[in-house]
Protein backbone atom coordinates (compact mmCIF):
# COMPACT_ATOMS: atom_id res chain seq x y z
CA MET A 1 29.51 77.80 41.04
CA ASP A 2 26.09 76.19 41.37
CA LEU A 3 23.72 76.57 44.32
CA PHE A 4 25.67 74.19 46.54
CA GLY A 5 29.23 75.10 45.49
CA ALA A 6 31.50 73.64 42.85
CA ALA A 7 32.70 70.11 43.49
CA ASP A 8 36.34 71.27 43.57
CA ASP A 9 35.66 74.25 45.86
CA PRO A 10 38.09 73.85 48.80
CA GLN A 11 35.52 75.39 51.15
CA ARG A 12 32.75 73.01 50.11
CA ILE A 13 31.24 70.80 52.82
CA ALA A 14 30.14 67.42 51.50
CA PRO A 15 26.63 66.28 52.45
CA VAL A 16 26.02 62.78 53.71
CA ALA A 17 24.88 60.20 51.17
CA VAL A 18 21.15 59.65 51.67
CA ASP A 19 19.52 56.27 51.02
CA ASP A 20 16.25 55.65 49.22
CA ALA A 21 14.40 54.83 52.44
CA THR A 22 15.23 58.26 53.89
CA ARG A 23 14.13 59.99 50.69
CA ALA A 24 10.87 58.06 50.75
CA LEU A 25 10.33 59.02 54.39
CA ALA A 26 10.90 62.69 53.58
CA GLU A 27 8.36 62.52 50.74
CA ALA A 28 5.78 61.05 53.14
CA VAL A 29 5.98 64.05 55.49
CA PRO A 30 3.18 66.57 54.71
CA VAL A 31 4.43 69.11 52.21
CA HIS A 32 3.57 72.07 54.46
CA VAL A 33 5.68 70.68 57.33
CA HIS A 34 9.27 71.89 57.40
CA LEU A 35 11.48 69.91 59.78
CA GLY A 36 14.77 71.39 60.92
CA THR A 37 17.30 71.85 63.69
CA SER A 38 18.31 74.81 65.86
CA SER A 39 21.59 75.23 63.98
CA TRP A 40 23.75 73.31 61.53
CA ALA A 41 27.28 73.66 62.99
CA PHE A 42 27.75 70.36 64.85
CA PRO A 43 30.84 68.26 63.99
CA GLY A 44 29.21 65.21 65.60
CA TRP A 45 26.69 65.01 62.77
CA GLU A 46 29.22 63.20 60.58
CA GLY A 47 27.31 60.38 58.89
CA LEU A 48 23.95 61.95 59.82
CA VAL A 49 24.08 65.24 57.90
CA TYR A 50 27.67 65.60 56.69
CA ALA A 51 29.88 63.10 54.87
CA ARG A 52 32.95 63.83 56.97
CA SER A 53 33.87 65.28 60.32
CA GLU A 54 34.30 69.04 60.02
CA ARG A 55 35.29 71.75 62.46
CA ALA A 56 32.43 73.75 63.94
CA ASP A 57 33.76 77.01 62.53
CA ARG A 58 33.88 75.57 59.00
CA LEU A 59 30.38 74.21 59.35
CA SER A 60 29.14 77.56 60.63
CA LYS A 61 30.54 79.38 57.59
CA HIS A 62 30.13 76.79 54.84
CA GLY A 63 27.86 73.99 56.08
CA LEU A 64 24.38 75.35 55.38
CA ALA A 65 24.32 74.33 51.73
CA ALA A 66 25.21 70.73 52.61
CA TYR A 67 22.69 70.69 55.47
CA ALA A 68 19.94 71.89 53.12
CA GLN A 69 20.55 69.00 50.73
CA HIS A 70 19.29 66.48 53.28
CA PRO A 71 15.71 65.65 52.22
CA LEU A 72 14.37 65.57 55.79
CA LEU A 73 15.88 68.94 56.70
CA ARG A 74 13.74 71.60 55.05
CA ALA A 75 14.18 74.29 57.70
CA VAL A 76 16.71 75.61 60.19
CA GLY A 77 16.74 78.03 63.10
CA ILE A 78 19.06 81.05 63.11
CA ASP A 79 19.91 81.70 66.75
CA ARG A 80 22.77 84.19 66.35
CA THR A 81 20.26 86.96 65.68
CA PHE A 82 19.03 86.62 69.29
CA TYR A 83 22.33 88.05 70.52
CA ALA A 84 22.76 90.81 67.94
CA PRO A 85 21.06 91.85 64.70
CA ILE A 86 22.77 90.84 61.46
CA THR A 87 22.76 92.55 58.09
CA ARG A 88 20.56 92.16 55.06
CA GLU A 89 23.62 90.86 53.21
CA ASP A 90 24.08 88.07 55.77
CA PHE A 91 20.50 86.98 55.17
CA VAL A 92 20.95 87.18 51.39
CA ALA A 93 23.91 84.79 51.70
CA TYR A 94 21.82 82.36 53.75
CA ALA A 95 18.99 82.41 51.22
CA ALA A 96 21.41 81.84 48.35
CA SER A 97 22.66 78.65 50.04
CA VAL A 98 19.33 76.79 50.13
CA PRO A 99 16.70 75.54 47.67
CA ALA A 100 13.45 77.42 47.14
CA HIS A 101 11.34 75.11 49.35
CA PHE A 102 13.61 75.67 52.38
CA ARG A 103 12.47 77.87 55.27
CA PHE A 104 14.27 79.78 58.03
CA LEU A 105 13.11 80.44 61.57
CA VAL A 106 14.84 83.62 62.69
CA LYS A 107 14.99 84.78 66.31
CA ALA A 108 14.49 88.47 66.96
CA HIS A 109 17.14 90.35 68.92
CA ALA A 110 16.84 89.66 72.66
CA ALA A 111 16.73 93.38 73.41
CA VAL A 112 13.23 93.44 71.89
CA THR A 113 11.92 90.57 74.01
CA THR A 114 13.73 90.99 77.34
CA PRO A 115 12.53 93.60 79.87
CA GLY A 116 14.56 96.54 81.07
CA GLY A 117 17.95 96.23 82.66
CA LEU A 118 18.21 92.51 81.95
CA ALA A 119 17.93 93.24 78.24
CA ARG A 120 20.72 95.80 78.41
CA MET A 121 22.92 93.43 80.40
CA ARG A 122 22.38 90.57 77.95
CA THR A 123 22.75 92.58 74.76
CA HIS A 124 25.02 95.51 75.72
CA GLU A 125 22.25 97.94 74.79
CA THR A 126 22.33 101.37 76.42
CA VAL A 127 18.63 101.98 75.73
CA ASP A 128 15.69 99.84 76.82
CA ARG A 129 14.41 98.25 73.59
CA PHE A 130 11.82 95.96 75.21
CA LEU A 131 8.85 95.74 72.83
CA ASP A 132 10.16 98.76 70.94
CA ALA A 133 8.37 98.55 67.58
CA SER A 134 10.52 101.15 65.84
CA TYR A 135 13.75 99.39 66.78
CA ALA A 136 12.29 96.00 65.85
CA THR A 137 11.15 97.28 62.48
CA ASP A 138 14.45 98.88 61.53
CA ALA A 139 17.04 96.58 63.12
CA VAL A 140 15.26 93.21 62.98
CA ILE A 141 12.38 93.03 60.53
CA ALA A 142 13.67 95.02 57.54
CA PRO A 143 16.98 93.12 57.15
CA VAL A 144 15.41 89.68 57.51
CA VAL A 145 12.49 90.35 55.17
CA GLU A 146 14.65 91.99 52.51
CA GLY A 147 17.41 89.39 52.82
CA LEU A 148 15.51 86.12 53.06
CA GLY A 149 12.48 86.91 50.94
CA ALA A 150 10.29 83.85 50.41
CA THR A 151 12.63 81.62 52.44
CA LEU A 152 11.59 83.36 55.68
CA GLY A 153 9.34 80.89 57.45
CA VAL A 154 8.84 82.55 60.84
CA LEU A 155 10.29 85.57 62.63
CA LEU A 156 10.21 84.50 66.26
CA PHE A 157 9.98 86.81 69.25
CA GLN A 158 11.32 84.52 71.99
CA CYS A 159 10.51 86.07 75.35
CA PRO A 160 12.70 84.78 78.22
CA PRO A 161 11.05 84.07 81.59
CA MET A 162 9.84 87.20 83.35
CA ALA A 163 9.88 87.38 87.14
CA PRO A 164 6.63 86.16 88.76
CA GLY A 165 4.63 89.09 90.07
CA SER A 166 6.68 91.60 88.10
CA ARG A 167 5.18 94.60 86.35
CA ALA A 168 6.69 93.36 83.06
CA LEU A 169 4.81 90.07 83.32
CA ALA A 170 1.51 91.61 84.45
CA SER A 171 1.49 94.12 81.62
CA PHE A 172 2.90 91.81 78.96
CA PRO A 173 -0.33 90.91 77.06
CA ASP A 174 -1.33 94.56 76.72
CA ARG A 175 2.17 95.72 75.76
CA LEU A 176 2.47 92.85 73.29
CA GLU A 177 -0.78 93.91 71.62
CA GLN A 178 0.45 97.48 71.28
CA PHE A 179 3.84 96.28 70.00
CA LEU A 180 2.42 93.97 67.32
CA ALA A 181 -0.04 96.65 66.17
CA ARG A 182 2.88 98.91 65.27
CA LEU A 183 4.85 96.34 63.26
CA PRO A 184 4.73 96.01 59.47
CA ARG A 185 1.94 93.68 58.34
CA GLY A 186 2.38 90.66 56.11
CA VAL A 187 5.42 89.28 57.97
CA PRO A 188 5.10 85.79 59.57
CA TYR A 189 5.49 86.68 63.27
CA ALA A 190 5.39 84.18 66.13
CA VAL A 191 5.65 84.83 69.86
CA GLU A 192 7.22 82.25 72.18
CA VAL A 193 6.79 82.77 75.92
CA ARG A 194 8.46 81.05 78.85
CA ASN A 195 5.96 81.94 81.61
CA ALA A 196 3.28 79.28 82.01
CA SER A 197 1.15 81.77 83.94
CA LEU A 198 0.39 83.54 80.65
CA LEU A 199 -1.69 80.49 79.73
CA HIS A 200 -3.76 80.55 82.94
CA ASP A 201 -7.03 82.14 84.02
CA ASP A 202 -7.98 85.42 82.37
CA THR A 203 -4.39 86.09 81.23
CA VAL A 204 -4.56 83.48 78.47
CA ALA A 205 -7.49 85.28 76.85
CA ARG A 206 -5.56 88.57 76.87
CA TYR A 207 -2.45 86.92 75.45
CA ALA A 208 -4.42 85.14 72.71
CA ALA A 209 -6.26 88.35 71.84
CA ALA A 210 -2.95 90.18 71.46
CA LEU A 211 -1.75 87.55 68.98
CA VAL A 212 -4.97 87.63 66.98
CA SER A 213 -5.17 91.41 66.73
CA GLY A 214 -1.46 91.64 65.88
CA GLY A 215 -1.50 89.02 63.12
CA ALA A 216 0.95 86.77 64.97
CA THR A 217 0.86 83.13 66.05
CA HIS A 218 1.74 81.42 69.30
CA GLY A 219 5.15 79.76 69.19
CA PHE A 220 4.78 76.29 70.69
CA THR A 221 7.78 75.18 72.72
CA VAL A 222 8.79 72.02 74.55
CA HIS A 223 10.64 73.46 77.52
CA PRO A 224 10.61 72.89 81.31
CA THR A 225 9.08 76.33 81.90
CA MET A 226 5.97 75.54 79.84
CA PRO A 227 3.16 72.95 79.88
CA PRO A 228 3.14 70.23 77.18
CA VAL A 229 2.34 71.49 73.70
CA ARG A 230 -1.06 69.79 73.67
CA GLU A 231 -1.97 71.77 76.81
CA GLN A 232 -0.75 74.96 75.22
CA ALA A 233 -3.05 74.31 72.28
CA GLU A 234 -6.02 73.45 74.48
CA ARG A 235 -5.67 76.56 76.65
CA LEU A 236 -5.14 78.99 73.80
CA GLY A 237 -7.62 77.79 71.19
CA ALA A 238 -7.13 77.69 67.44
CA GLU A 239 -7.44 81.46 67.03
CA ALA A 240 -3.97 81.85 68.53
CA TRP A 241 -2.33 80.15 65.58
CA ALA A 242 -4.75 81.04 62.79
CA GLN A 243 -2.85 84.06 61.47
CA GLY A 244 -0.16 82.29 59.46
CA PRO A 245 2.86 79.95 59.71
CA VAL A 246 3.36 78.24 63.07
CA ALA A 247 6.59 77.41 64.87
CA VAL A 248 6.95 74.32 67.07
CA ARG A 249 10.30 74.16 68.87
CA TRP A 250 11.32 71.02 70.77
CA MET A 251 14.05 72.39 73.02
CA LEU A 252 14.59 70.47 76.24
CA ARG A 253 13.19 67.61 78.30
CA PRO A 254 11.09 68.68 81.31
CA ASP A 255 13.50 66.90 83.68
CA GLN A 256 16.70 68.19 82.07
CA GLU A 257 18.88 71.29 82.25
CA TYR A 258 20.50 72.75 79.15
CA GLU A 259 24.12 72.60 80.30
CA SER A 260 23.88 69.12 81.80
CA ALA A 261 22.26 67.81 78.61
CA ARG A 262 24.99 69.33 76.49
CA GLU A 263 27.75 67.86 78.63
CA ALA A 264 26.15 64.43 78.80
CA TRP A 265 25.03 64.05 75.19
CA ALA A 266 27.72 65.73 73.07
CA PRO A 267 28.68 65.17 70.26
CA PHE A 268 24.96 64.56 69.60
CA ARG A 269 25.19 61.44 67.49
CA ALA A 270 22.63 59.25 69.29
CA LEU A 271 19.18 59.37 70.86
CA ALA A 272 20.56 59.37 74.39
CA ALA A 273 17.19 59.96 76.09
CA PRO A 274 14.23 59.10 73.84
CA ASP A 275 11.09 60.98 74.89
CA ILE A 276 8.27 59.02 73.29
CA GLY A 277 5.51 60.94 75.08
CA THR A 278 6.68 64.32 73.86
CA ARG A 279 7.33 62.93 70.39
CA THR A 280 3.74 61.71 70.22
CA ASP A 281 2.40 65.05 71.50
CA VAL A 282 4.44 67.00 68.96
CA ALA A 283 3.37 64.73 66.10
CA GLU A 284 -0.32 65.08 67.02
CA LEU A 285 -0.01 68.86 67.23
CA VAL A 286 1.80 69.04 63.88
CA ARG A 287 -0.88 66.93 62.22
CA THR A 288 -3.55 69.27 63.58
CA LEU A 289 -1.71 72.36 62.39
CA ALA A 290 -0.87 70.90 58.97
CA ALA A 291 -4.47 69.81 58.36
CA SER A 292 -5.37 73.42 57.54
CA GLN A 293 -2.58 73.56 54.92
CA ARG A 294 -0.69 76.19 56.90
CA PRO A 295 3.14 76.11 56.92
CA VAL A 296 4.51 74.51 60.10
CA LEU A 297 8.16 74.79 61.08
CA VAL A 298 9.27 72.12 63.53
CA ILE A 299 12.67 72.90 65.03
CA ALA A 300 14.42 70.30 67.21
CA ASN A 301 17.37 70.90 69.51
CA ASN A 302 20.10 68.37 70.33
CA LYS A 303 19.07 68.73 73.98
CA ALA A 304 15.61 67.31 73.26
CA GLU A 305 16.72 63.68 73.01
CA GLY A 306 20.43 63.77 72.27
CA SER A 307 20.59 64.28 68.50
CA ALA A 308 18.32 66.67 66.62
CA PRO A 309 18.62 64.94 63.21
CA LEU A 310 17.65 61.61 64.77
CA THR A 311 14.79 63.21 66.71
CA LEU A 312 13.44 64.56 63.43
CA ARG A 313 13.83 61.19 61.72
CA GLU A 314 11.69 59.55 64.40
CA LEU A 315 9.17 62.38 64.32
CA ALA A 316 8.97 62.04 60.52
CA ARG A 317 8.16 58.35 60.95
CA LEU A 318 5.25 59.25 63.19
CA LEU A 319 4.01 61.90 60.77
CA ALA A 320 4.32 59.45 57.89
CA GLY A 321 2.54 56.71 59.85
CA THR A 322 5.48 54.34 59.77
CA GLY A 323 6.33 54.12 63.48
CA GLY A 324 8.52 56.38 65.52
CA ALA A 325 9.97 54.23 68.31
CA ALA A 326 13.63 54.78 69.01
């Protein structure tokens, strides 16, 4: 069996045939920019990523190798790790399914990033693991680093919204600094927050300082809870993403809810709600980040515009200077 599975393998998922124009577009995207989607298991991507319609469970188990053959898709997000840690062997299998230039964005277990009782409720933990460096090192970091090796692009600590005025939110910059200081060095960490107040007044300086001292980068996100990515960059300053690879995740329109977008736009085969303003903002940010030759992982969700592969195609056109209108 070769990297992508033998042609007569009954489990093999066939990739879509890619035309020369798409290959040329992919080659025009800066080499340090890795475009990808939040997952790969969407049956509606027949003709966009996969040659045929496949069940979601088959795509989940066997689709990654076909996904990674698409020239525009040089990264992917692994979301399942947010709900529970997975083993080193699981990560080894992922890495074995993709070419050497491919990169993974891996979410840390939610218990590490969600305060107190809410974390235990969401993750069935009996112990509060919020910003627990020992747990993060053993259960999250070691398996992903050992399993993915050079294909690890970013290990993302996605912090859900914390209650306004709460002790968890007020103390977050200081606790984050202490947490990052206790983690193993040399791992590409990013921190994504969902409280816009962390980017205001004196709090933004404390948050940025925690990232800098901890060797992490700010995870840019397009999400209703946060200001536009260009504002995030302006408020934080370049020091907040100077430590290594940067993640930019385009999740959800500011005027949209996750569930309503999923119901309205499934099976995610068309740009149902093009967002030209956000697309332009993301492209400008990516150009700025890529100018310093740092790796940039851009992850798009189907709920951004209706179809993540098509969102990335249009973004690639902007990055390549060939347009970008829907």
